[in-house]
């Protein structure tokens, strides 16, 4: 997947402290969370695929790392939520108590 390159520093733009627009960061987190729901392991981050690496895309390594981190954050957050949900006792239905 080729990415549009930008000129100049994007880190000084509002909402882009790491070079990513907020919408792109949110989308990558969402994709990471969906991968966790599907049961994929965190080490299968698609940003690690050769076609998504800076040597293939031509993007800045710092921006690539931000994308990789955003996906991983989403995956990790969903995995933690799943673990918490599994640890909770099952809800009892009031009909079960009759």
N, C-alpha and C. Protein backbone atom coordinates (compact mmCIF):
# COMPACT_ATOMS: atom_id res chain seq x y z
N UNK A 1 0.84 -1.16 0.00
CA UNK A 1 0.00 0.00 0.00
C UNK A 1 0.90 1.23 0.00
N UNK A 2 0.86 2.00 -1.07
CA UNK A 2 1.67 3.22 -1.18
C UNK A 2 0.98 4.34 -0.42
N UNK A 3 1.78 5.17 0.18
CA UNK A 3 1.26 6.29 0.95
C UNK A 3 1.69 7.60 0.31
N UNK A 4 0.85 8.57 0.44
CA UNK A 4 1.16 9.88 -0.07
C UNK A 4 2.28 10.48 0.76
N UNK A 5 3.29 10.97 0.11
CA UNK A 5 4.39 11.58 0.86
C UNK A 5 4.09 13.05 1.07
N UNK A 6 4.58 13.57 2.17
CA UNK A 6 4.40 14.98 2.47
C UNK A 6 5.76 15.63 2.56
N UNK A 7 5.79 16.90 2.28
CA UNK A 7 7.05 17.63 2.37
C UNK A 7 7.07 18.42 3.66
N UNK A 8 8.24 18.58 4.20
CA UNK A 8 8.36 19.35 5.43
C UNK A 8 7.95 18.54 6.64
N UNK A 9 8.11 19.13 7.78
CA UNK A 9 7.79 18.46 9.03
C UNK A 9 6.30 18.53 9.28
N UNK A 10 5.71 17.39 9.55
CA UNK A 10 4.29 17.36 9.88
C UNK A 10 4.09 17.37 11.38
N UNK A 11 5.18 17.26 12.13
CA UNK A 11 5.03 17.17 13.57
C UNK A 11 4.59 18.48 14.21
N UNK A 12 4.71 19.60 13.49
CA UNK A 12 4.31 20.89 14.06
C UNK A 12 2.86 21.22 13.76
N UNK A 13 2.18 20.38 12.98
CA UNK A 13 0.79 20.65 12.66
C UNK A 13 -0.10 20.26 13.82
N UNK A 14 -1.19 20.99 14.04
CA UNK A 14 -2.10 20.66 15.15
C UNK A 14 -2.65 19.25 15.00
N UNK A 15 -2.66 18.51 16.11
CA UNK A 15 -3.22 17.17 16.12
C UNK A 15 -2.30 16.11 15.55
N UNK A 16 -1.08 16.49 15.23
CA UNK A 16 -0.15 15.54 14.61
C UNK A 16 1.17 15.50 15.37
N UNK A 17 1.11 15.29 16.64
CA UNK A 17 2.33 15.30 17.45
C UNK A 17 3.31 14.23 17.02
N UNK A 18 2.81 13.15 16.41
CA UNK A 18 3.68 12.07 15.98
C UNK A 18 3.71 11.94 14.47
N UNK A 19 3.17 12.90 13.75
CA UNK A 19 3.17 12.85 12.30
C UNK A 19 1.94 12.22 11.69
N UNK A 20 1.02 11.71 12.50
CA UNK A 20 -0.19 11.08 11.98
C UNK A 20 -1.40 11.96 12.21
N UNK A 21 -2.25 12.09 11.21
CA UNK A 21 -3.53 12.78 11.45
C UNK A 21 -4.35 11.96 12.45
N UNK A 22 -5.13 12.61 13.29
CA UNK A 22 -5.93 11.88 14.28
C UNK A 22 -6.82 10.80 13.66
N UNK A 23 -7.38 11.08 12.50
CA UNK A 23 -8.27 10.09 11.87
C UNK A 23 -7.50 8.85 11.44
N UNK A 24 -6.29 9.03 10.96
CA UNK A 24 -5.49 7.87 10.55
C UNK A 24 -5.07 7.05 11.78
N UNK A 25 -4.68 7.74 12.84
CA UNK A 25 -4.31 7.04 14.08
C UNK A 25 -5.51 6.23 14.59
N UNK A 26 -6.69 6.84 14.59
CA UNK A 26 -7.89 6.14 15.06
C UNK A 26 -8.20 4.93 14.18
N UNK A 27 -8.04 5.06 12.88
CA UNK A 27 -8.31 3.95 11.97
C UNK A 27 -7.32 2.80 12.20
N UNK A 28 -6.06 3.11 12.40
CA UNK A 28 -5.07 2.07 12.66
C UNK A 28 -5.35 1.37 13.98
N UNK A 29 -5.75 2.13 14.99
CA UNK A 29 -6.11 1.51 16.27
C UNK A 29 -7.32 0.59 16.10
N UNK A 30 -8.29 1.03 15.31
CA UNK A 30 -9.48 0.23 15.06
C UNK A 30 -9.11 -1.07 14.36
N UNK A 31 -8.23 -0.98 13.38
CA UNK A 31 -7.80 -2.18 12.67
C UNK A 31 -7.06 -3.14 13.60
N UNK A 32 -6.24 -2.60 14.48
CA UNK A 32 -5.54 -3.45 15.45
C UNK A 32 -6.52 -4.14 16.39
N UNK A 33 -7.53 -3.40 16.84
CA UNK A 33 -8.53 -3.98 17.73
C UNK A 33 -9.32 -5.07 17.03
N UNK A 34 -9.67 -4.84 15.76
CA UNK A 34 -10.41 -5.87 15.01
C UNK A 34 -9.57 -7.13 14.84
N UNK A 35 -8.28 -6.96 14.64
CA UNK A 35 -7.39 -8.13 14.52
C UNK A 35 -7.39 -8.93 15.82
N UNK A 36 -7.39 -8.23 16.95
CA UNK A 36 -7.42 -8.91 18.24
C UNK A 36 -8.72 -9.68 18.41
N UNK A 37 -9.83 -9.10 18.00
CA UNK A 37 -11.13 -9.77 18.10
C UNK A 37 -11.14 -11.03 17.24
N UNK A 38 -10.48 -10.96 16.09
CA UNK A 38 -10.40 -12.14 15.21
C UNK A 38 -9.47 -13.21 15.78
N UNK A 39 -8.74 -12.87 16.84
CA UNK A 39 -7.85 -13.84 17.46
C UNK A 39 -6.42 -13.80 16.94
N UNK A 40 -6.09 -12.80 16.14
CA UNK A 40 -4.73 -12.67 15.63
C UNK A 40 -3.81 -12.22 16.74
N UNK A 41 -2.60 -12.72 16.73
CA UNK A 41 -1.60 -12.35 17.73
C UNK A 41 -1.05 -10.96 17.43
N UNK A 42 -0.55 -10.29 18.45
CA UNK A 42 0.00 -8.95 18.29
C UNK A 42 1.22 -8.88 17.41
N UNK A 43 1.95 -9.99 17.31
CA UNK A 43 3.17 -9.97 16.50
C UNK A 43 2.89 -10.04 15.00
N UNK A 44 1.64 -10.10 14.60
CA UNK A 44 1.30 -10.12 13.18
C UNK A 44 0.93 -8.73 12.66
N UNK A 45 1.47 -7.71 13.29
CA UNK A 45 1.23 -6.33 12.90
C UNK A 45 1.52 -6.16 11.40
N UNK A 46 0.54 -5.73 10.62
CA UNK A 46 0.74 -5.61 9.17
C UNK A 46 1.81 -4.58 8.79
N UNK A 47 2.13 -3.68 9.69
CA UNK A 47 3.17 -2.71 9.38
C UNK A 47 4.54 -3.37 9.31
N UNK A 48 4.67 -4.59 9.83
CA UNK A 48 5.93 -5.32 9.76
C UNK A 48 6.13 -6.01 8.41
N UNK A 49 5.07 -6.10 7.61
CA UNK A 49 5.20 -6.72 6.30
C UNK A 49 6.13 -5.87 5.43
N UNK A 50 6.92 -6.53 4.62
CA UNK A 50 7.90 -5.82 3.80
C UNK A 50 7.26 -4.74 2.94
N UNK A 51 6.08 -5.00 2.41
CA UNK A 51 5.43 -4.01 1.54
C UNK A 51 5.01 -2.75 2.29
N UNK A 52 4.96 -2.80 3.61
CA UNK A 52 4.56 -1.63 4.41
C UNK A 52 5.74 -0.96 5.10
N UNK A 53 6.93 -1.44 4.90
CA UNK A 53 8.11 -0.86 5.55
C UNK A 53 8.60 0.36 4.78
N UNK A 54 9.29 1.26 5.47
CA UNK A 54 9.78 2.48 4.81
C UNK A 54 10.65 2.20 3.59
N UNK A 55 11.37 1.10 3.59
CA UNK A 55 12.21 0.79 2.42
C UNK A 55 11.36 0.52 1.18
N UNK A 56 10.11 0.12 1.36
CA UNK A 56 9.21 -0.12 0.23
C UNK A 56 8.31 1.08 -0.06
N UNK A 57 7.88 1.76 0.99
CA UNK A 57 6.92 2.86 0.81
C UNK A 57 7.59 4.20 0.58
N UNK A 58 8.83 4.32 1.03
CA UNK A 58 9.53 5.60 0.89
C UNK A 58 9.15 6.61 1.95
N UNK A 59 8.37 6.21 2.91
CA UNK A 59 7.97 7.14 3.96
C UNK A 59 9.05 7.27 5.02
N UNK A 60 8.91 8.26 5.84
CA UNK A 60 9.84 8.52 6.94
C UNK A 60 9.72 7.38 7.97
N UNK A 61 10.84 6.85 8.45
CA UNK A 61 10.79 5.79 9.44
C UNK A 61 10.02 6.17 10.72
N UNK A 62 10.07 7.44 11.09
CA UNK A 62 9.34 7.88 12.29
C UNK A 62 7.83 7.79 12.08
N UNK A 63 7.36 8.15 10.91
CA UNK A 63 5.92 8.06 10.62
C UNK A 63 5.50 6.60 10.56
N UNK A 64 6.34 5.75 9.93
CA UNK A 64 6.06 4.32 9.88
C UNK A 64 5.94 3.76 11.30
N UNK A 65 6.87 4.15 12.17
CA UNK A 65 6.84 3.66 13.55
C UNK A 65 5.57 4.11 14.26
N UNK A 66 5.12 5.34 13.98
CA UNK A 66 3.88 5.84 14.58
C UNK A 66 2.69 5.01 14.11
N UNK A 67 2.67 4.65 12.84
CA UNK A 67 1.59 3.80 12.32
C UNK A 67 1.63 2.42 12.97
N UNK A 68 2.81 1.86 13.04
CA UNK A 68 2.97 0.54 13.66
C UNK A 68 2.51 0.58 15.11
N UNK A 69 2.93 1.62 15.84
CA UNK A 69 2.55 1.75 17.25
C UNK A 69 1.05 1.92 17.42
N UNK A 70 0.40 2.69 16.52
CA UNK A 70 -1.04 2.90 16.62
C UNK A 70 -1.79 1.58 16.46
N UNK A 71 -1.40 0.77 15.48
CA UNK A 71 -2.04 -0.54 15.29
C UNK A 71 -1.84 -1.39 16.53
N UNK A 72 -0.63 -1.40 17.06
CA UNK A 72 -0.33 -2.22 18.23
C UNK A 72 -1.11 -1.75 19.45
N UNK A 73 -1.27 -0.44 19.61
CA UNK A 73 -2.05 0.11 20.73
C UNK A 73 -3.48 -0.40 20.68
N UNK A 74 -4.07 -0.40 19.48
CA UNK A 74 -5.43 -0.88 19.33
C UNK A 74 -5.55 -2.37 19.64
N UNK A 75 -4.58 -3.14 19.17
CA UNK A 75 -4.57 -4.58 19.42
C UNK A 75 -4.43 -4.85 20.92
N UNK A 76 -3.48 -4.18 21.55
CA UNK A 76 -3.23 -4.40 22.98
C UNK A 76 -4.42 -4.00 23.83
N UNK A 77 -5.05 -2.87 23.49
CA UNK A 77 -6.20 -2.40 24.28
C UNK A 77 -7.35 -3.40 24.17
N UNK A 78 -7.61 -3.90 22.97
CA UNK A 78 -8.70 -4.87 22.80
C UNK A 78 -8.37 -6.18 23.51
N UNK A 79 -7.13 -6.60 23.45
CA UNK A 79 -6.72 -7.84 24.13
C UNK A 79 -6.90 -7.72 25.63
N UNK A 80 -6.56 -6.55 26.19
CA UNK A 80 -6.76 -6.35 27.64
C UNK A 80 -8.24 -6.39 27.98
N UNK A 81 -9.08 -5.76 27.15
CA UNK A 81 -10.53 -5.78 27.40
C UNK A 81 -11.07 -7.19 27.34
N UNK A 82 -10.60 -7.98 26.37
CA UNK A 82 -11.06 -9.36 26.25
C UNK A 82 -10.66 -10.17 27.47
N UNK A 83 -9.44 -9.97 27.95
CA UNK A 83 -8.98 -10.70 29.13
C UNK A 83 -9.81 -10.34 30.36
N UNK A 84 -10.13 -9.05 30.51
CA UNK A 84 -10.96 -8.63 31.65
C UNK A 84 -12.35 -9.25 31.55
N UNK A 85 -12.91 -9.26 30.35
CA UNK A 85 -14.26 -9.81 30.17
C UNK A 85 -14.28 -11.31 30.48
N UNK A 86 -13.24 -12.02 30.10
CA UNK A 86 -13.17 -13.45 30.38
C UNK A 86 -13.05 -13.73 31.88
N UNK A 87 -12.45 -12.80 32.62
CA UNK A 87 -12.25 -12.99 34.04
C UNK A 87 -13.51 -12.72 34.86
N UNK A 88 -14.48 -12.03 34.28
CA UNK A 88 -15.72 -11.71 35.00
C UNK A 88 -16.60 -12.96 35.11
N UNK A 89 -17.30 -13.10 36.22
CA UNK A 89 -18.23 -14.23 36.32
C UNK A 89 -19.39 -14.00 35.34
N UNK A 90 -19.99 -15.06 34.85
CA UNK A 90 -21.10 -14.89 33.90
C UNK A 90 -22.27 -14.19 34.58
N UNK A 91 -22.97 -13.38 33.80
CA UNK A 91 -24.15 -12.69 34.33
C UNK A 91 -25.26 -13.70 34.53
N UNK A 92 -25.96 -13.52 35.63
CA UNK A 92 -27.08 -14.40 35.91
C UNK A 92 -28.35 -13.71 35.50
N UNK A 93 -29.15 -14.40 34.80
CA UNK A 93 -30.43 -13.89 34.36
C UNK A 93 -31.44 -14.10 35.48
N UNK A 94 -32.33 -13.15 35.69
CA UNK A 94 -33.32 -13.28 36.77
C UNK A 94 -34.20 -14.52 36.56
N UNK A 95 -34.37 -14.95 35.32
CA UNK A 95 -35.16 -16.15 35.06
C UNK A 95 -34.44 -17.39 35.57
N UNK A 96 -33.10 -17.32 35.64
CA UNK A 96 -32.32 -18.47 36.11
C UNK A 96 -32.52 -18.71 37.60
N UNK A 97 -32.93 -17.70 38.32
CA UNK A 97 -33.05 -17.80 39.78
C UNK A 97 -34.39 -18.43 40.20
N UNK A 98 -35.28 -18.65 39.29
CA UNK A 98 -36.59 -19.19 39.63
C UNK A 98 -36.55 -20.67 39.78
